[in-house]
Amino acid sequence: MATVSRVVNGNPNVKPATRKKVLDAIEKLEYRPNAVARGLASKRTTTVGVIIPDISSIFFSELARGIEDIATMYKYNIILCNSDNNKEKEIHLVNTLLEKQVDGILFMGGEVTPEHAEHLNRSHVPVVLAATYHEDGDFPSVNIDYKQAAHDAISMLIEKGHTRIGMVSGSLEDL
């Protein structure tokens, strides 16, 4: 078992002839390493949990696609969760991801309430917010400057000669 483990994990301390025998057996038996067992031994699952408010939103689906691309580049997997922008579901998903032993959580959208913060703070994994923020600043976040983005958009429309500019938005309570 130790020799197979060394071969599977790329340890160079295996004779070439032995390595070939093990690789041939792996191919013949169609062996797949058990990620759960590997995670238990290493205390890492190479999995990140991603909670988004609405998978049908073009913004969030494209963001999820980019996250998955970067995760793949670093040989990580993602568990993508759709919260329907529902506080209770978001908290349930956080706890579910922690039960799955994810190595980190990326939380997007919706307001980070004190109840969210309580559950996120209890996690023993890194938590990063994206497309939202926490007023207390307890969590690192990735965001844009919304005021500057609105200013830039309106300025561009004015430069193009538009004078009657309207805006369609979601709820006024949406951060």
C-alpha atoms as a PDB file:
ATOM      1  CA  MET A   1       0.000   0.000   0.000  1.00  0.00           C
ATOM      2  CA  ALA A   2       2.834   2.365   0.815  1.00  0.00           C
ATOM      3  CA  THR A   3       4.439   1.783  -2.592  1.00  0.00           C
ATOM      4  CA  VAL A   4       1.151   2.416  -4.414  1.00  0.00           C
ATOM      5  CA  SER A   5       0.676   5.571  -2.360  1.00  0.00           C
ATOM      6  CA  ARG A   6       4.158   6.778  -3.307  1.00  0.00           C
ATOM      7  CA  VAL A   7       3.483   6.145  -7.006  1.00  0.00           C
ATOM      8  CA  VAL A   8       0.049   7.816  -6.962  1.00  0.00           C
ATOM      9  CA  ASN A   9       1.441  10.842  -5.106  1.00  0.00           C
ATOM     10  CA  GLY A  10       4.465  11.202  -7.398  1.00  0.00           C
ATOM     11  CA  ASN A  11       7.094  10.353  -4.782  1.00  0.00           C
ATOM     12  CA  PRO A  12      10.427   9.790  -6.589  1.00  0.00           C
ATOM     13  CA  ASN A  13      11.574   7.104  -4.112  1.00  0.00           C
ATOM     14  CA  VAL A  14      10.196   4.201  -6.172  1.00  0.00           C
ATOM     15  CA  LYS A  15      12.280   2.066  -8.523  1.00  0.00           C
ATOM     16  CA  PRO A  16      11.293   2.609 -12.181  1.00  0.00           C
ATOM     17  CA  ALA A  17      10.404  -1.080 -12.682  1.00  0.00           C
ATOM     18  CA  THR A  18       8.163  -1.053  -9.593  1.00  0.00           C
ATOM     19  CA  ARG A  19       6.576   2.259 -10.677  1.00  0.00           C
ATOM     20  CA  LYS A  20       5.745   0.724 -14.087  1.00  0.00           C
ATOM     21  CA  LYS A  21       4.138  -2.344 -12.462  1.00  0.00           C
ATOM     22  CA  VAL A  22       2.001  -0.161 -10.200  1.00  0.00           C
ATOM     23  CA  LEU A  23       0.949   2.158 -13.071  1.00  0.00           C
ATOM     24  CA  ASP A  24       0.081  -0.869 -15.233  1.00  0.00           C
ATOM     25  CA  ALA A  25      -2.067  -2.304 -12.416  1.00  0.00           C
ATOM     26  CA  ILE A  26      -3.745   1.075 -11.902  1.00  0.00           C
ATOM     27  CA  GLU A  27      -4.631   1.229 -15.587  1.00  0.00           C
ATOM     28  CA  LYS A  28      -5.791  -2.396 -15.765  1.00  0.00           C
ATOM     29  CA  LEU A  29      -7.976  -2.067 -12.649  1.00  0.00           C
ATOM     30  CA  GLU A  30      -9.183   1.432 -13.630  1.00  0.00           C
ATOM     31  CA  TYR A  31      -8.173   2.587 -10.158  1.00  0.00           C
ATOM     32  CA  ARG A  32      -9.300   6.046  -9.027  1.00  0.00           C
ATOM     33  CA  PRO A  33      -7.874   7.551  -5.837  1.00  0.00           C
ATOM     34  CA  ASN A  34     -10.486   8.110  -3.134  1.00  0.00           C
ATOM     35  CA  ALA A  35     -10.662  11.888  -2.678  1.00  0.00           C
ATOM     36  CA  VAL A  36     -12.518  11.538   0.629  1.00  0.00           C
ATOM     37  CA  ALA A  37      -9.834   9.285   2.093  1.00  0.00           C
ATOM     38  CA  ARG A  38      -7.115  11.540   0.741  1.00  0.00           C
ATOM     39  CA  GLY A  39      -8.839  14.545   2.305  1.00  0.00           C
ATOM     40  CA  LEU A  40      -9.046  12.820   5.680  1.00  0.00           C
ATOM     41  CA  ALA A  41      -5.344  12.046   5.620  1.00  0.00           C
ATOM     42  CA  SER A  42      -4.210  15.471   4.400  1.00  0.00           C
ATOM     43  CA  LYS A  43      -6.918  17.562   6.123  1.00  0.00           C
ATOM     44  CA  ARG A  44      -7.450  19.226   2.733  1.00  0.00           C
ATOM     45  CA  THR A  45     -10.117  18.511   0.155  1.00  0.00           C
ATOM     46  CA  THR A  46      -8.930  20.883  -2.592  1.00  0.00           C
ATOM     47  CA  THR A  47     -12.543  22.029  -2.742  1.00  0.00           C
ATOM     48  CA  VAL A  48     -13.966  25.525  -2.391  1.00  0.00           C
ATOM     49  CA  GLY A  49     -17.622  26.203  -1.676  1.00  0.00           C
ATOM     50  CA  VAL A  50     -19.220  28.986  -3.732  1.00  0.00           C
ATOM     51  CA  ILE A  51     -22.580  30.436  -2.688  1.00  0.00           C
ATOM     52  CA  ILE A  52     -24.335  32.605  -5.258  1.00  0.00           C
ATOM     53  CA  PRO A  53     -27.772  34.208  -4.993  1.00  0.00           C
ATOM     54  CA  ASP A  54     -29.120  33.357  -8.458  1.00  0.00           C
ATOM     55  CA  ILE A  55     -27.551  30.975 -10.976  1.00  0.00           C
ATOM     56  CA  SER A  56     -29.881  32.269 -13.694  1.00  0.00           C
ATOM     57  CA  SER A  57     -28.354  35.762 -13.431  1.00  0.00           C
ATOM     58  CA  ILE A  58     -25.880  36.334 -16.253  1.00  0.00           C
ATOM     59  CA  PHE A  59     -23.625  38.254 -13.875  1.00  0.00           C
ATOM     60  CA  PHE A  60     -23.405  35.445 -11.322  1.00  0.00           C
ATOM     61  CA  SER A  61     -23.265  32.619 -13.856  1.00  0.00           C
ATOM     62  CA  GLU A  62     -20.328  34.278 -15.620  1.00  0.00           C
ATOM     63  CA  LEU A  63     -18.664  34.944 -12.284  1.00  0.00           C
ATOM     64  CA  ALA A  64     -19.126  31.271 -11.337  1.00  0.00           C
ATOM     65  CA  ARG A  65     -17.596  30.257 -14.669  1.00  0.00           C
ATOM     66  CA  GLY A  66     -14.537  32.413 -13.987  1.00  0.00           C
ATOM     67  CA  ILE A  67     -14.204  31.005 -10.472  1.00  0.00           C
ATOM     68  CA  GLU A  68     -14.358  27.466 -11.827  1.00  0.00           C
ATOM     69  CA  ASP A  69     -11.705  28.268 -14.461  1.00  0.00           C
ATOM     70  CA  ILE A  70      -9.311  29.626 -11.816  1.00  0.00           C
ATOM     71  CA  ALA A  71     -10.046  26.728  -9.452  1.00  0.00           C
ATOM     72  CA  THR A  72      -9.272  24.237 -12.222  1.00  0.00           C
ATOM     73  CA  MET A  73      -6.028  26.043 -12.996  1.00  0.00           C
ATOM     74  CA  TYR A  74      -4.942  25.443  -9.383  1.00  0.00           C
ATOM     75  CA  LYS A  75      -6.297  21.857  -9.373  1.00  0.00           C
ATOM     76  CA  TYR A  76      -9.193  22.737  -7.080  1.00  0.00           C
ATOM     77  CA  ASN A  77     -12.836  21.797  -7.397  1.00  0.00           C
ATOM     78  CA  ILE A  78     -15.821  23.923  -6.526  1.00  0.00           C
ATOM     79  CA  ILE A  79     -19.155  23.096  -5.012  1.00  0.00           C
ATOM     80  CA  LEU A  80     -21.547  25.635  -6.498  1.00  0.00           C
ATOM     81  CA  CYS A  81     -24.605  26.470  -4.401  1.00  0.00           C
ATOM     82  CA  ASN A  82     -27.589  28.587  -5.424  1.00  0.00           C
ATOM     83  CA  SER A  83     -29.150  30.364  -2.432  1.00  0.00           C
ATOM     84  CA  ASP A  84     -32.129  32.000  -4.171  1.00  0.00           C
ATOM     85  CA  ASN A  85     -31.058  35.104  -2.198  1.00  0.00           C
ATOM     86  CA  ASN A  86     -32.714  33.512   0.856  1.00  0.00           C
ATOM     87  CA  LYS A  87     -31.035  34.154   4.235  1.00  0.00           C
ATOM     88  CA  GLU A  88     -32.051  30.848   5.823  1.00  0.00           C
ATOM     89  CA  LYS A  89     -30.903  28.912   2.766  1.00  0.00           C
ATOM     90  CA  GLU A  90     -27.592  30.806   2.702  1.00  0.00           C
ATOM     91  CA  ILE A  91     -26.900  29.876   6.329  1.00  0.00           C
ATOM     92  CA  HIS A  92     -27.898  26.256   5.659  1.00  0.00           C
ATOM     93  CA  LEU A  93     -25.534  26.180   2.660  1.00  0.00           C
ATOM     94  CA  VAL A  94     -22.652  27.569   4.733  1.00  0.00           C
ATOM     95  CA  ASN A  95     -23.148  24.782   7.267  1.00  0.00           C
ATOM     96  CA  THR A  96     -23.495  22.144   4.530  1.00  0.00           C
ATOM     97  CA  LEU A  97     -20.244  23.282   2.901  1.00  0.00           C
ATOM     98  CA  LEU A  98     -18.474  23.137   6.250  1.00  0.00           C
ATOM     99  CA  GLU A  99     -19.787  19.586   6.756  1.00  0.00           C
ATOM    100  CA  LYS A 100     -18.304  18.727   3.358  1.00  0.00           C
ATOM    101  CA  GLN A 101     -14.929  19.921   4.713  1.00  0.00           C
ATOM    102  CA  VAL A 102     -14.355  22.564   2.036  1.00  0.00           C
ATOM    103  CA  ASP A 103     -11.028  24.387   2.209  1.00  0.00           C
ATOM    104  CA  GLY A 104     -12.681  27.796   1.833  1.00  0.00           C
ATOM    105  CA  ILE A 105     -15.979  29.570   1.135  1.00  0.00           C
ATOM    106  CA  LEU A 106     -16.680  32.282  -1.415  1.00  0.00           C
ATOM    107  CA  PHE A 107     -19.932  34.028  -0.481  1.00  0.00           C
ATOM    108  CA  MET A 108     -21.622  36.237  -3.061  1.00  0.00           C
ATOM    109  CA  GLY A 109     -24.627  38.463  -3.090  1.00  0.00           C
ATOM    110  CA  GLY A 110     -27.166  39.296  -0.483  1.00  0.00           C
ATOM    111  CA  GLU A 111     -26.654  41.099   2.775  1.00  0.00           C
ATOM    112  CA  VAL A 112     -24.276  39.683   5.362  1.00  0.00           C
ATOM    113  CA  THR A 113     -26.473  39.818   8.458  1.00  0.00           C
ATOM    114  CA  PRO A 114     -25.251  39.327  12.037  1.00  0.00           C
ATOM    115  CA  GLU A 115     -26.572  35.753  11.789  1.00  0.00           C
ATOM    116  CA  HIS A 116     -24.530  35.159   8.611  1.00  0.00           C
ATOM    117  CA  ALA A 117     -21.460  36.621  10.301  1.00  0.00           C
ATOM    118  CA  GLU A 118     -21.936  34.367  13.327  1.00  0.00           C
ATOM    119  CA  HIS A 119     -21.965  31.213  11.167  1.00  0.00           C
ATOM    120  CA  LEU A 120     -19.145  32.387   8.913  1.00  0.00           C
ATOM    121  CA  ASN A 121     -16.977  33.363  11.904  1.00  0.00           C
ATOM    122  CA  ARG A 122     -17.437  29.889  13.422  1.00  0.00           C
ATOM    123  CA  SER A 123     -15.973  28.268  10.345  1.00  0.00           C
ATOM    124  CA  HIS A 124     -12.348  27.211  10.530  1.00  0.00           C
ATOM    125  CA  VAL A 125     -11.781  27.908   6.843  1.00  0.00           C
ATOM    126  CA  PRO A 126     -11.112  31.163   4.999  1.00  0.00           C
ATOM    127  CA  VAL A 127     -14.214  33.077   3.916  1.00  0.00           C
ATOM    128  CA  VAL A 128     -14.139  35.707   1.172  1.00  0.00           C
ATOM    129  CA  LEU A 129     -17.046  37.904   0.142  1.00  0.00           C
ATOM    130  CA  ALA A 130     -17.593  38.901  -3.478  1.00  0.00           C
ATOM    131  CA  ALA A 131     -20.225  41.256  -4.898  1.00  0.00           C
ATOM    132  CA  THR A 132     -21.223  42.021  -1.301  1.00  0.00           C
ATOM    133  CA  TYR A 133     -19.583  43.265   1.848  1.00  0.00           C
ATOM    134  CA  HIS A 134     -19.884  43.139   5.612  1.00  0.00           C
ATOM    135  CA  GLU A 135     -20.219  46.521   7.302  1.00  0.00           C
ATOM    136  CA  ASP A 136     -17.989  45.460  10.216  1.00  0.00           C
ATOM    137  CA  GLY A 137     -15.249  44.470   7.765  1.00  0.00           C
ATOM    138  CA  ASP A 138     -14.762  41.068   9.419  1.00  0.00           C
ATOM    139  CA  PHE A 139     -14.250  39.296   6.100  1.00  0.00           C
ATOM    140  CA  PRO A 140     -12.004  40.033   3.138  1.00  0.00           C
ATOM    141  CA  SER A 141     -14.013  41.041   0.091  1.00  0.00           C
ATOM    142  CA  VAL A 142     -13.620  41.501  -3.629  1.00  0.00           C
ATOM    143  CA  ASN A 143     -15.804  44.224  -5.050  1.00  0.00           C
ATOM    144  CA  ILE A 144     -15.949  47.209  -7.336  1.00  0.00           C
ATOM    145  CA  ASP A 145     -16.478  50.865  -6.557  1.00  0.00           C
ATOM    146  CA  TYR A 146     -20.179  51.060  -7.447  1.00  0.00           C
ATOM    147  CA  LYS A 147     -20.354  54.869  -7.216  1.00  0.00           C
ATOM    148  CA  GLN A 148     -17.413  55.231  -9.601  1.00  0.00           C
ATOM    149  CA  ALA A 149     -18.878  52.624 -11.971  1.00  0.00           C
ATOM    150  CA  ALA A 150     -22.215  54.506 -12.069  1.00  0.00           C
ATOM    151  CA  HIS A 151     -20.378  57.785 -12.613  1.00  0.00           C
ATOM    152  CA  ASP A 152     -18.343  56.310 -15.480  1.00  0.00           C
ATOM    153  CA  ALA A 153     -21.452  54.831 -17.140  1.00  0.00           C
ATOM    154  CA  ILE A 154     -23.408  58.092 -16.948  1.00  0.00           C
ATOM    155  CA  SER A 155     -20.397  60.112 -18.140  1.00  0.00           C
ATOM    156  CA  MET A 156     -20.058  57.858 -21.186  1.00  0.00           C
ATOM    157  CA  LEU A 157     -23.752  58.268 -22.030  1.00  0.00           C
ATOM    158  CA  ILE A 158     -23.510  62.076 -21.691  1.00  0.00           C
ATOM    159  CA  GLU A 159     -20.387  62.128 -23.906  1.00  0.00           C
ATOM    160  CA  LYS A 160     -22.384  60.278 -26.559  1.00  0.00           C
ATOM    161  CA  GLY A 161     -25.030  63.003 -26.467  1.00  0.00           C
ATOM    162  CA  HIS A 162     -27.690  61.316 -24.358  1.00  0.00           C
ATOM    163  CA  THR A 163     -29.668  63.658 -22.117  1.00  0.00           C
ATOM    164  CA  ARG A 164     -32.575  61.541 -20.843  1.00  0.00           C
ATOM    165  CA  ILE A 165     -30.864  58.831 -18.825  1.00  0.00           C
ATOM    166  CA  GLY A 166     -32.804  56.317 -16.775  1.00  0.00           C
ATOM    167  CA  MET A 167     -31.800  53.384 -14.649  1.00  0.00           C
ATOM    168  CA  VAL A 168     -33.475  50.035 -14.124  1.00  0.00           C
ATOM    169  CA  SER A 169     -32.463  48.402 -10.865  1.00  0.00           C
ATOM    170  CA  GLY A 170     -33.425  45.800  -8.325  1.00  0.00           C
ATOM    171  CA  SER A 171     -34.703  46.546  -4.860  1.00  0.00           C
ATOM    172  CA  LEU A 172     -33.588  49.809  -3.262  1.00  0.00           C
ATOM    173  CA  GLU A 173     -32.491  47.756  -0.249  1.00  0.00           C
ATOM    174  CA  ASP A 174     -30.063  45.761  -2.445  1.00  0.00           C
ATOM    175  CA  LEU A 175     -26.555  46.794  -1.469  1.00  0.00           C
END
